[in-house]
Amino acid sequence: MKYYLSAIGSCEDRVFENNTFKTILSSFAVDAKKILPLLNDMGGYDVMVDSGAFSALGRGIVINIDEYLGFIQQFPEEWYYINLDVMLPRNATEKEIRNCEEQGYENYLYLSKKVKNLLPVYHYGEDIKVFKRYCELSDYVCINMNKKGKKGIDKDDYLSEIFSISRDKVKVHGLAITSIPLLYRYPFYSADSISYQRGAVFEKQKYWAHGKLKAILYQSLRDWKYLEQQITNLWKERGIIWT
């Protein structure tokens, strides 16, 4: 499993100095304009770029698809770029869900004609047919577990159905999914979150090691790197090895 650090915009100097992770997710709506030029100049990073649709929704911002496209076209085509997905409104009706599904699909078709490594997004609450359709178009699909959409869907049933379809043929990226039990239970190819920042007020919280005070963020990064390798080894033992 690959763990991507997201939202590094508040601590990028420490992340770069520590150099534990080379896997970074940056959001167009949050920190990409600051972070992506730095990553591009330094080179050697495995980068995933998200539109930031979820963050934009919370801020009342509308992302223009052509602005997003124009921005990401400035950067290396081998990076991964996530579709401009359409978030489900809270307690969405069936009609609203279908509308969001179709708009997200149309965005994917539009962007995929111009972007090499474009990843589709399947949302909690959407019809499973949407996930199957994306699996026919891409070998790498993102899933978003945000629960603002349709109620009454069991999380384990949802993920079990997804992975019964993807198996070891389609890679699945979990957007903001780093629940350790879920990572042990389901074979995510990759996931991202800001969990590595949890509990760390970077300038103030430190720990003592080798005669020096070090930022607690550094210890957290090492812990997540260890977890990343542990989960990779677990799924290797279970017969799932991604090349």
Foldseek 3Di string as FASTA:
>chain_A
DAEAEEPCQVPVVVCVVLVLALHYEYEPVHCCVPPVVVCQVVDPHQYEYEPCQVVCVVVVHDDDLVVVLVVVVVGDLNHAYEFNAADQAAAHDPVSLVVRLVVQVVSCVVSVVPGPRYAGEAEPPHDVVSLVVSVVVAQEHEYEDDNRYHPDDDPVVVQVVNCVRNPLRHAYEYEQDDPPVVLLVGPHPYYYHNVLCPPFPFVPDWDDDPNDTHGVSSVSSVVVSVSVVVSQVSVVVVPRHDD
